[in-house]
């Protein structure tokens, strides 16, 4: 594989037919750091956070008026009895999925033809038994789940996909997708359906070329993350809210450790990095009070404070566990929100975080078995620059391991879909077919099976059934070209210096232009980057 092909495919999102192979691939990639647009037209046209959060607040108010713990649990995407502790069966199931070695994060769905993709409802948030839990909810609440929330989700799927298809800086666009998967949330949780895309658009894109600590803070304060990991409900036992709840013996709802655990295990230090359960609990106490503004109304809103702007971050002093805390060997005596910000700042600067992030980046750009020398190089760049992400990206481009053709990466369904659509000149897709195709291929957008995100190793995506579905998808994409694309001419432009003789011969012997194009899209060279 030539360095031009690596630049297009490993670092970018796949070449378009009118892309000229860069004479200096590294310089071409570096230049993209200066021309990345964090808010291109498709993203700017997506539903606004205030709109999405207001709809969610209306829905939650309907649920509150309906009353009943089971209905409230359903509104928050939880099984009855799961609310409060963060240790319920639903969350344990998600953690079990996280530990499933070598398995896809989302099981592929039955194959659908293009007509079915265009008409079959995409139902994030739905899961077995949910209809029974929702049966008694008011009409407005059910309309939120099956109506406006789904519409917001699909609009954001379309925005993400169309931004990728025409991205002028595909290297940085790939990095956006990398970080969105690192900080994974799932639209399968009801309150997050319309919020998942906003986390990528508002917390990842503006900070992808900045400091990691700024991205980290933006992500952990975002309503999608706070709602996904139940942080918005976490109550310090000795806070004003905790004392009132104990006094009146109300339904148990206390400290929630989900966000604290995932920040330590997934977002910063990494699994088996030396933190303890005591660190998780102490950090969870630190984070009490971090909640979402404007989602509750009436007396509860007045009790929690805030300005009532739906979807904004709010630190609710009434929920915060007072006192000095000790997390990962450091003591934090700050008051209120400042305590959590101090912990996040120290975690971002920790050498264990540097190594964890370096390992994931090396795996993404240099093969399923990340090279130790590259990990060390990226970790050093991170620490010496104070977590400056462009410095780390330059270190990636300076790493010979990232330019090695000996360690190709098998494309994930998202990677392959975007590359295939770019290859045939697609500049715009409708959201429903795009979402349906990714469901079929096993990687529904913003719907991973756990907080760990989708796998970034080939075996998770290269099984026989998965390959068959890609063949079927390639045939449909090729058929839509109407036989107007000559794969014999297209292949060298998409894979400059990387097209194998066997693939070239297979394309040349194809019975039709559409068959030749389909063969190109599922060739070994195109399936890998």
Foldseek 3Di string as FASTA:
>chain_A
DDLLLCLQALQFLFAFLPDDRDPDSLVLQLVLLVVFDLQDDLNVPADDLLVLLVLLLVLLVQLVVLDDQLSNCLSLQHHRPCFAALPDPVQVQLVVLVPPPLAWLFDFDAFDALVCLQPPQDQAQDDPPSCVSCVPTDPSNVCCRRNPLSVSLLSLLQSLLLCSLPPPNRSLNVLLVLVLQLQFFASNGPSLSNPSSVLSSPLRSVPSQFFLLSSVVSNCLFQNNCSRQVLQQEFDCPFLVNVVCVVVVDDHHHQYLRVLVCCCDRVFLHPPNDWDVLQSRLLSLLSFQWHFAQSDDDPVNVQQDDPNSGRGTGRRRRRHHDDWTAHPRDIFNDDTPVRNSVVSLVRSLDLSRLLVVQQSVQCSQQAVRRDPVSSVQLSVQCNVVVRRNVSSVSSCSVDVSSSDPVHWAQDQQVSLVSNLCSHLPNNGDRSSSSQSLCSNLGQRPSHGSHSSGTDRHDSNRDDPSNLVSLLSVLLSSLVVSVLPDQLLSSLCSRRPPHDDPVLNVVLVPDPGRSRSRSSSSSPPSNSID
